[in-house]
């Protein structure tokens, strides 16, 4: 699995809770919530709390877009569902 994990922040925790509420699913039970973006998946299990190597030491996000992925005849179709502006704390 290759994913980006971000330090806990109020803005991303709020976004996580709003997405969970909108999707009618419970939010993560982790406290603090460690936001992450999954870039790829693998068959083997990994420890989600293992920080792994730091590849990008710092990044500023000002917007986040949620996409829906659906298989299509010519490949996966990624349709944007919502875009949220993130405020700096």
PDB file of N, CA and C in Angstrom:
ATOM      1  N   UNK A   1       0.854  -1.165   0.000  1.00  0.00           N
ATOM      2  CA  UNK A   1       0.000   0.000   0.000  1.00  0.00           C
ATOM      3  C   UNK A   1       0.900   1.227   0.000  1.00  0.00           C
ATOM      4  N   UNK A   2       0.555   2.205  -0.785  1.00  0.00           N
ATOM      5  CA  UNK A   2       1.247   3.487  -0.788  1.00  0.00           C
ATOM      6  C   UNK A   2       0.216   4.544  -0.466  1.00  0.00           C
ATOM      7  N   UNK A   3       0.424   5.260   0.621  1.00  0.00           N
ATOM      8  CA  UNK A   3      -0.536   6.279   1.017  1.00  0.00           C
ATOM      9  C   UNK A   3       0.166   7.425   1.706  1.00  0.00           C
ATOM     10  N   UNK A   4      -0.480   8.563   1.697  1.00  0.00           N
ATOM     11  CA  UNK A   4       0.012   9.745   2.386  1.00  0.00           C
ATOM     12  C   UNK A   4      -0.766   9.898   3.678  1.00  0.00           C
ATOM     13  N   UNK A   5      -0.060  10.004   4.778  1.00  0.00           N
ATOM     14  CA  UNK A   5      -0.723  10.245   6.057  1.00  0.00           C
ATOM     15  C   UNK A   5      -0.359  11.636   6.520  1.00  0.00           C
ATOM     16  N   UNK A   6      -1.338  12.380   6.997  1.00  0.00           N
ATOM     17  CA  UNK A   6      -1.151  13.752   7.436  1.00  0.00           C
ATOM     18  C   UNK A   6      -1.242  13.819   8.950  1.00  0.00           C
ATOM     19  N   UNK A   7      -0.589  14.793   9.533  1.00  0.00           N
ATOM     20  CA  UNK A   7      -0.736  15.016  10.965  1.00  0.00           C
ATOM     21  C   UNK A   7      -2.191  15.362  11.259  1.00  0.00           C
ATOM     22  N   UNK A   8      -2.683  14.991  12.440  1.00  0.00           N
ATOM     23  CA  UNK A   8      -4.055  15.352  12.793  1.00  0.00           C
ATOM     24  C   UNK A   8      -4.250  16.863  12.706  1.00  0.00           C
ATOM     25  N   UNK A   9      -5.417  17.268  12.197  1.00  0.00           N
ATOM     26  CA  UNK A   9      -5.750  18.687  12.159  1.00  0.00           C
ATOM     27  C   UNK A   9      -7.258  18.831  12.300  1.00  0.00           C
ATOM     28  N   UNK A  10      -7.681  19.929  12.871  1.00  0.00           N
ATOM     29  CA  UNK A  10      -9.111  20.161  13.066  1.00  0.00           C
ATOM     30  C   UNK A  10      -9.865  20.213  11.747  1.00  0.00           C
ATOM     31  N   UNK A  11      -9.270  20.830  10.708  1.00  0.00           N
ATOM     32  CA  UNK A  11      -9.956  20.955   9.418  1.00  0.00           C
ATOM     33  C   UNK A  11     -10.183  19.582   8.778  1.00  0.00           C
ATOM     34  N   UNK A  12      -9.164  18.719   8.797  1.00  0.00           N
ATOM     35  CA  UNK A  12      -9.321  17.402   8.180  1.00  0.00           C
ATOM     36  C   UNK A  12     -10.198  16.481   9.027  1.00  0.00           C
ATOM     37  N   UNK A  13     -10.143  16.614  10.347  1.00  0.00           N
ATOM     38  CA  UNK A  13     -11.042  15.831  11.200  1.00  0.00           C
ATOM     39  C   UNK A  13     -12.490  16.240  10.944  1.00  0.00           C
ATOM     40  N   UNK A  14     -12.734  17.528  10.816  1.00  0.00           N
ATOM     41  CA  UNK A  14     -14.081  18.021  10.517  1.00  0.00           C
ATOM     42  C   UNK A  14     -14.554  17.481   9.163  1.00  0.00           C
ATOM     43  N   UNK A  15     -13.674  17.520   8.162  1.00  0.00           N
ATOM     44  CA  UNK A  15     -14.020  16.989   6.844  1.00  0.00           C
ATOM     45  C   UNK A  15     -14.350  15.503   6.936  1.00  0.00           C
ATOM     46  N   UNK A  16     -13.561  14.742   7.665  1.00  0.00           N
ATOM     47  CA  UNK A  16     -13.807  13.312   7.847  1.00  0.00           C
ATOM     48  C   UNK A  16     -15.182  13.059   8.467  1.00  0.00           C
ATOM     49  N   UNK A  17     -15.512  13.802   9.514  1.00  0.00           N
ATOM     50  CA  UNK A  17     -16.812  13.617  10.175  1.00  0.00           C
ATOM     51  C   UNK A  17     -17.972  14.026   9.265  1.00  0.00           C
ATOM     52  N   UNK A  18     -17.788  15.074   8.497  1.00  0.00           N
ATOM     53  CA  UNK A  18     -18.837  15.488   7.561  1.00  0.00           C
ATOM     54  C   UNK A  18     -19.038  14.434   6.458  1.00  0.00           C
ATOM     55  N   UNK A  19     -17.945  13.869   5.947  1.00  0.00           N
ATOM     56  CA  UNK A  19     -18.067  12.814   4.935  1.00  0.00           C
ATOM     57  C   UNK A  19     -18.756  11.582   5.521  1.00  0.00           C
ATOM     58  N   UNK A  20     -18.388  11.187   6.729  1.00  0.00           N
ATOM     59  CA  UNK A  20     -19.020  10.033   7.371  1.00  0.00           C
ATOM     60  C   UNK A  20     -20.515  10.286   7.565  1.00  0.00           C
ATOM     61  N   UNK A  21     -20.866  11.491   8.022  1.00  0.00           N
ATOM     62  CA  UNK A  21     -22.278  11.825   8.219  1.00  0.00           C
ATOM     63  C   UNK A  21     -23.029  11.791   6.890  1.00  0.00           C
ATOM     64  N   UNK A  22     -22.444  12.361   5.861  1.00  0.00           N
ATOM     65  CA  UNK A  22     -23.082  12.397   4.544  1.00  0.00           C
ATOM     66  C   UNK A  22     -23.264  11.000   3.966  1.00  0.00           C
ATOM     67  N   UNK A  23     -22.273  10.120   4.199  1.00  0.00           N
ATOM     68  CA  UNK A  23     -22.328   8.760   3.657  1.00  0.00           C
ATOM     69  C   UNK A  23     -23.076   7.792   4.587  1.00  0.00           C
ATOM     70  N   UNK A  24     -23.554   8.306   5.734  1.00  0.00           N
ATOM     71  CA  UNK A  24     -24.305   7.501   6.704  1.00  0.00           C
ATOM     72  C   UNK A  24     -23.488   6.313   7.212  1.00  0.00           C
ATOM     73  N   UNK A  25     -22.210   6.585   7.527  1.00  0.00           N
ATOM     74  CA  UNK A  25     -21.333   5.571   8.114  1.00  0.00           C
ATOM     75  C   UNK A  25     -20.685   6.173   9.356  1.00  0.00           C
ATOM     76  N   UNK A  26     -20.281   5.323  10.307  1.00  0.00           N
ATOM     77  CA  UNK A  26     -19.629   5.872  11.496  1.00  0.00           C
ATOM     78  C   UNK A  26     -18.243   6.412  11.157  1.00  0.00           C
ATOM     79  N   UNK A  27     -17.817   7.478  11.827  1.00  0.00           N
ATOM     80  CA  UNK A  27     -16.465   7.990  11.596  1.00  0.00           C
ATOM     81  C   UNK A  27     -15.428   7.032  12.181  1.00  0.00           C
ATOM     82  N   UNK A  28     -14.174   7.261  11.850  1.00  0.00           N
ATOM     83  CA  UNK A  28     -13.072   6.449  12.362  1.00  0.00           C
ATOM     84  C   UNK A  28     -13.069   6.455  13.884  1.00  0.00           C
ATOM     85  N   UNK A  29     -12.686   5.335  14.464  1.00  0.00           N
ATOM     86  CA  UNK A  29     -12.611   5.251  15.928  1.00  0.00           C
ATOM     87  C   UNK A  29     -11.254   5.724  16.443  1.00  0.00           C
ATOM     88  N   UNK A  30     -10.298   6.002  15.552  1.00  0.00           N
ATOM     89  CA  UNK A  30      -8.978   6.453  15.977  1.00  0.00           C
ATOM     90  C   UNK A  30      -9.059   7.864  16.551  1.00  0.00           C
ATOM     91  N   UNK A  31      -8.403   8.076  17.701  1.00  0.00           N
ATOM     92  CA  UNK A  31      -8.374   9.374  18.336  1.00  0.00           C
ATOM     93  C   UNK A  31      -6.938   9.662  18.738  1.00  0.00           C
ATOM     94  N   UNK A  32      -6.237  10.581  18.136  1.00  0.00           N
ATOM     95  CA  UNK A  32      -6.754  11.495  17.131  1.00  0.00           C
ATOM     96  C   UNK A  32      -6.926  10.799  15.785  1.00  0.00           C
ATOM     97  N   UNK A  33      -7.752  11.399  14.941  1.00  0.00           N
ATOM     98  CA  UNK A  33      -7.955  10.892  13.586  1.00  0.00           C
ATOM     99  C   UNK A  33      -6.733  11.256  12.743  1.00  0.00           C
ATOM    100  N   UNK A  34      -6.130  10.242  12.109  1.00  0.00           N
ATOM    101  CA  UNK A  34      -4.969  10.456  11.242  1.00  0.00           C
ATOM    102  C   UNK A  34      -5.443  10.427   9.792  1.00  0.00           C
ATOM    103  N   UNK A  35      -5.676  11.604   9.176  1.00  0.00           N
ATOM    104  CA  UNK A  35      -6.154  11.627   7.794  1.00  0.00           C
ATOM    105  C   UNK A  35      -5.095  11.059   6.855  1.00  0.00           C
ATOM    106  N   UNK A  36      -5.562  10.389   5.798  1.00  0.00           N
ATOM    107  CA  UNK A  36      -4.646   9.818   4.825  1.00  0.00           C
ATOM    108  C   UNK A  36      -5.312   9.729   3.459  1.00  0.00           C
ATOM    109  N   UNK A  37      -4.503   9.617   2.448  1.00  0.00           N
ATOM    110  CA  UNK A  37      -4.965   9.437   1.085  1.00  0.00           C
ATOM    111  C   UNK A  37      -4.317   8.165   0.561  1.00  0.00           C
ATOM    112  N   UNK A  38      -5.118   7.194   0.143  1.00  0.00           N
ATOM    113  CA  UNK A  38      -4.589   5.945  -0.393  1.00  0.00           C
ATOM    114  C   UNK A  38      -4.282   6.131  -1.869  1.00  0.00           C
ATOM    115  N   UNK A  39      -3.050   5.832  -2.255  1.00  0.00           N
ATOM    116  CA  UNK A  39      -2.635   5.973  -3.642  1.00  0.00           C
ATOM    117  C   UNK A  39      -2.597   4.627  -4.357  1.00  0.00           C
ATOM    118  N   UNK A  40      -2.371   3.549  -3.617  1.00  0.00           N
ATOM    119  CA  UNK A  40      -2.314   2.214  -4.211  1.00  0.00           C
ATOM    120  C   UNK A  40      -2.551   1.192  -3.109  1.00  0.00           C
ATOM    121  N   UNK A  41      -2.972   0.011  -3.504  1.00  0.00           N
ATOM    122  CA  UNK A  41      -3.222  -1.051  -2.536  1.00  0.00           C
ATOM    123  C   UNK A  41      -2.392  -2.285  -2.901  1.00  0.00           C
ATOM    124  N   UNK A  42      -2.111  -3.107  -1.894  1.00  0.00           N
ATOM    125  CA  UNK A  42      -1.371  -4.354  -2.095  1.00  0.00           C
ATOM    126  C   UNK A  42      -2.100  -5.473  -1.377  1.00  0.00           C
ATOM    127  N   UNK A  43      -1.745  -6.689  -1.675  1.00  0.00           N
ATOM    128  CA  UNK A  43      -2.403  -7.838  -1.059  1.00  0.00           C
ATOM    129  C   UNK A  43      -1.967  -8.071   0.389  1.00  0.00           C
ATOM    130  N   UNK A  44      -0.749  -7.702   0.731  1.00  0.00           N
ATOM    131  CA  UNK A  44      -0.270  -7.982   2.096  1.00  0.00           C
ATOM    132  C   UNK A  44      -0.797  -6.941   3.079  1.00  0.00           C
ATOM    133  N   UNK A  45      -0.944  -7.351   4.328  1.00  0.00           N
ATOM    134  CA  UNK A  45      -1.426  -6.464   5.381  1.00  0.00           C
ATOM    135  C   UNK A  45      -0.283  -5.580   5.874  1.00  0.00           C
ATOM    136  N   UNK A  46      -0.607  -4.353   6.219  1.00  0.00           N
ATOM    137  CA  UNK A  46       0.367  -3.435   6.805  1.00  0.00           C
ATOM    138  C   UNK A  46      -0.220  -2.852   8.076  1.00  0.00           C
ATOM    139  N   UNK A  47       0.653  -2.395   8.950  1.00  0.00           N
ATOM    140  CA  UNK A  47       0.221  -1.746  10.183  1.00  0.00           C
ATOM    141  C   UNK A  47      -0.110  -0.294   9.869  1.00  0.00           C
ATOM    142  N   UNK A  48      -1.390   0.131   9.980  1.00  0.00           N
ATOM    143  CA  UNK A  48      -1.740   1.504   9.602  1.00  0.00           C
ATOM    144  C   UNK A  48      -1.102   2.565  10.488  1.00  0.00           C
ATOM    145  N   UNK A  49      -0.590   2.187  11.659  1.00  0.00           N
ATOM    146  CA  UNK A  49       0.044   3.165  12.538  1.00  0.00           C
ATOM    147  C   UNK A  49       1.552   3.241  12.321  1.00  0.00           C
ATOM    148  N   UNK A  50       2.112   2.366  11.462  1.00  0.00           N
ATOM    149  CA  UNK A  50       3.526   2.427  11.129  1.00  0.00           C
ATOM    150  C   UNK A  50       3.734   3.630  10.214  1.00  0.00           C
ATOM    151  N   UNK A  51       4.533   4.624  10.640  1.00  0.00           N
ATOM    152  CA  UNK A  51       4.660   5.828   9.818  1.00  0.00           C
ATOM    153  C   UNK A  51       5.361   5.602   8.487  1.00  0.00           C
ATOM    154  N   UNK A  52       6.173   4.542   8.374  1.00  0.00           N
ATOM    155  CA  UNK A  52       6.875   4.295   7.125  1.00  0.00           C
ATOM    156  C   UNK A  52       7.843   5.425   6.808  1.00  0.00           C
ATOM    157  N   UNK A  53       8.449   5.388   5.628  1.00  0.00           N
ATOM    158  CA  UNK A  53       9.401   6.441   5.277  1.00  0.00           C
ATOM    159  C   UNK A  53       8.687   7.759   4.946  1.00  0.00           C
ATOM    160  N   UNK A  54       9.338   8.870   5.264  1.00  0.00           N
ATOM    161  CA  UNK A  54       8.808  10.181   4.917  1.00  0.00           C
ATOM    162  C   UNK A  54       9.256  10.489   3.493  1.00  0.00           C
ATOM    163  N   UNK A  55       8.299  10.561   2.579  1.00  0.00           N
ATOM    164  CA  UNK A  55       8.610  10.820   1.173  1.00  0.00           C
ATOM    165  C   UNK A  55       8.406  12.292   0.851  1.00  0.00           C
ATOM    166  N   UNK A  56       7.342  12.866   1.370  1.00  0.00           N
ATOM    167  CA  UNK A  56       7.046  14.286   1.164  1.00  0.00           C
ATOM    168  C   UNK A  56       7.012  14.920   2.556  1.00  0.00           C
ATOM    169  N   UNK A  57       8.064  15.633   2.951  1.00  0.00           N
ATOM    170  CA  UNK A  57       8.126  16.149   4.321  1.00  0.00           C
ATOM    171  C   UNK A  57       7.118  17.248   4.631  1.00  0.00           C
ATOM    172  N   UNK A  58       6.639  17.977   3.610  1.00  0.00           N
ATOM    173  CA  UNK A  58       5.699  19.065   3.863  1.00  0.00           C
ATOM    174  C   UNK A  58       4.874  19.302   2.605  1.00  0.00           C
ATOM    175  N   UNK A  59       3.586  19.501   2.794  1.00  0.00           N
ATOM    176  CA  UNK A  59       2.710  19.801   1.674  1.00  0.00           C
ATOM    177  C   UNK A  59       1.540  20.610   2.200  1.00  0.00           C
ATOM    178  N   UNK A  60       1.133  21.619   1.464  1.00  0.00           N
ATOM    179  CA  UNK A  60      -0.015  22.434   1.836  1.00  0.00           C
ATOM    180  C   UNK A  60      -1.162  22.120   0.897  1.00  0.00           C
ATOM    181  N   UNK A  61      -2.314  21.762   1.457  1.00  0.00           N
ATOM    182  CA  UNK A  61      -3.512  21.500   0.671  1.00  0.00           C
ATOM    183  C   UNK A  61      -4.493  22.642   0.889  1.00  0.00           C
ATOM    184  N   UNK A  62      -5.014  23.187  -0.204  1.00  0.00           N
ATOM    185  CA  UNK A  62      -6.035  24.224  -0.040  1.00  0.00           C
ATOM    186  C   UNK A  62      -7.411  23.745  -0.478  1.00  0.00           C
ATOM    187  N   UNK A  63      -7.473  22.662  -1.267  1.00  0.00           N
ATOM    188  CA  UNK A  63      -8.751  22.056  -1.646  1.00  0.00           C
ATOM    189  C   UNK A  63      -8.588  20.549  -1.695  1.00  0.00           C
ATOM    190  N   UNK A  64      -9.682  19.859  -1.529  1.00  0.00           N
ATOM    191  CA  UNK A  64      -9.705  18.400  -1.612  1.00  0.00           C
ATOM    192  C   UNK A  64     -10.942  18.013  -2.410  1.00  0.00           C
ATOM    193  N   UNK A  65     -10.765  17.133  -3.384  1.00  0.00           N
ATOM    194  CA  UNK A  65     -11.878  16.682  -4.208  1.00  0.00           C
ATOM    195  C   UNK A  65     -12.102  15.202  -3.978  1.00  0.00           C
ATOM    196  N   UNK A  66     -13.345  14.825  -3.739  1.00  0.00           N
ATOM    197  CA  UNK A  66     -13.743  13.434  -3.550  1.00  0.00           C
ATOM    198  C   UNK A  66     -14.242  12.902  -4.888  1.00  0.00           C
ATOM    199  N   UNK A  67     -13.674  11.779  -5.330  1.00  0.00           N
ATOM    200  CA  UNK A  67     -14.039  11.188  -6.605  1.00  0.00           C
ATOM    201  C   UNK A  67     -14.738   9.848  -6.409  1.00  0.00           C
ATOM    202  N   UNK A  68     -15.617   9.513  -7.322  1.00  0.00           N
ATOM    203  CA  UNK A  68     -16.240   8.197  -7.383  1.00  0.00           C
ATOM    204  C   UNK A  68     -15.593   7.473  -8.559  1.00  0.00           C
ATOM    205  N   UNK A  69     -15.092   6.262  -8.324  1.00  0.00           N
ATOM    206  CA  UNK A  69     -14.449   5.477  -9.374  1.00  0.00           C
ATOM    207  C   UNK A  69     -15.377   4.355  -9.805  1.00  0.00           C
ATOM    208  N   UNK A  70     -15.624   4.274 -11.090  1.00  0.00           N
ATOM    209  CA  UNK A  70     -16.462   3.204 -11.634  1.00  0.00           C
ATOM    210  C   UNK A  70     -15.779   2.598 -12.850  1.00  0.00           C
ATOM    211  N   UNK A  71     -15.776   1.249 -12.933  1.00  0.00           N
ATOM    212  CA  UNK A  71     -15.175   0.625 -14.109  1.00  0.00           C
ATOM    213  C   UNK A  71     -15.991   0.934 -15.359  1.00  0.00           C
ATOM    214  N   UNK A  72     -15.319   1.177 -16.459  1.00  0.00           N
ATOM    215  CA  UNK A  72     -15.973   1.432 -17.733  1.00  0.00           C
ATOM    216  C   UNK A  72     -15.368   0.550 -18.808  1.00  0.00           C
ATOM    217  N   UNK A  73     -15.941   0.549 -19.988  1.00  0.00           N
ATOM    218  CA  UNK A  73     -15.456  -0.314 -21.068  1.00  0.00           C
ATOM    219  C   UNK A  73     -14.047   0.071 -21.517  1.00  0.00           C
ATOM    220  N   UNK A  74     -13.660   1.334 -21.342  1.00  0.00           N
ATOM    221  CA  UNK A  74     -12.318   1.750 -21.751  1.00  0.00           C
ATOM    222  C   UNK A  74     -11.426   2.093 -20.552  1.00  0.00           C
ATOM    223  N   UNK A  75     -11.793   1.613 -19.369  1.00  0.00           N
ATOM    224  CA  UNK A  75     -11.007   1.877 -18.161  1.00  0.00           C
ATOM    225  C   UNK A  75     -11.870   2.492 -17.073  1.00  0.00           C
ATOM    226  N   UNK A  76     -11.249   2.760 -15.965  1.00  0.00           N
ATOM    227  CA  UNK A  76     -11.967   3.331 -14.826  1.00  0.00           C
ATOM    228  C   UNK A  76     -12.327   4.789 -15.095  1.00  0.00           C
ATOM    229  N   UNK A  77     -13.563   5.145 -14.741  1.00  0.00           N
ATOM    230  CA  UNK A  77     -14.044   6.516 -14.888  1.00  0.00           C
ATOM    231  C   UNK A  77     -14.068   7.143 -13.500  1.00  0.00           C
ATOM    232  N   UNK A  78     -13.389   8.288 -13.353  1.00  0.00           N
ATOM    233  CA  UNK A  78     -13.330   9.007 -12.077  1.00  0.00           C
ATOM    234  C   UNK A  78     -14.186  10.264 -12.204  1.00  0.00           C
ATOM    235  N   UNK A  79     -15.295  10.274 -11.475  1.00  0.00           N
ATOM    236  CA  UNK A  79     -16.212  11.413 -11.522  1.00  0.00           C
ATOM    237  C   UNK A  79     -16.121  12.195 -10.212  1.00  0.00           C
ATOM    238  N   UNK A  80     -15.867  13.496 -10.270  1.00  0.00           N
ATOM    239  CA  UNK A  80     -15.814  14.285  -9.033  1.00  0.00           C
ATOM    240  C   UNK A  80     -17.196  14.385  -8.394  1.00  0.00           C
ATOM    241  N   UNK A  81     -17.251  14.135  -7.086  1.00  0.00           N
ATOM    242  CA  UNK A  81     -18.515  14.220  -6.341  1.00  0.00           C
ATOM    243  C   UNK A  81     -18.639  15.530  -5.577  1.00  0.00           C
ATOM    244  N   UNK A  82     -17.526  15.970  -4.995  1.00  0.00           N
ATOM    245  CA  UNK A  82     -17.557  17.203  -4.201  1.00  0.00           C
ATOM    246  C   UNK A  82     -16.142  17.747  -4.058  1.00  0.00           C
ATOM    247  N   UNK A  83     -16.057  19.065  -3.972  1.00  0.00           N
ATOM    248  CA  UNK A  83     -14.775  19.718  -3.708  1.00  0.00           C
ATOM    249  C   UNK A  83     -14.950  20.579  -2.472  1.00  0.00           C
ATOM    250  N   UNK A  84     -13.993  20.471  -1.549  1.00  0.00           N
ATOM    251  CA  UNK A  84     -14.067  21.186  -0.288  1.00  0.00           C
ATOM    252  C   UNK A  84     -12.818  22.058  -0.153  1.00  0.00           C
ATOM    253  N   UNK A  85     -13.014  23.314   0.190  1.00  0.00           N
ATOM    254  CA  UNK A  85     -11.890  24.205   0.470  1.00  0.00           C
ATOM    255  C   UNK A  85     -11.413  23.936   1.899  1.00  0.00           C
ATOM    256  N   UNK A  86     -10.124  23.782   2.072  1.00  0.00           N
ATOM    257  CA  UNK A  86      -9.547  23.545   3.388  1.00  0.00           C
ATOM    258  C   UNK A  86      -8.950  24.849   3.897  1.00  0.00           C
ATOM    259  N   UNK A  87      -9.241  25.170   5.143  1.00  0.00           N
ATOM    260  CA  UNK A  87      -8.681  26.391   5.722  1.00  0.00           C
ATOM    261  C   UNK A  87      -7.432  26.054   6.507  1.00  0.00           C
ATOM    262  N   UNK A  88      -6.494  26.961   6.527  1.00  0.00           N
ATOM    263  CA  UNK A  88      -5.278  26.778   7.303  1.00  0.00           C
ATOM    264  C   UNK A  88      -5.573  27.143   8.741  1.00  0.00           C
ATOM    265  N   UNK A  89      -5.010  26.355   9.656  1.00  0.00           N
ATOM    266  CA  UNK A  89      -5.234  26.627  11.077  1.00  0.00           C
ATOM    267  C   UNK A  89      -4.192  27.565  11.597  1.00  0.00           C
TER     268      UNK A  89
END
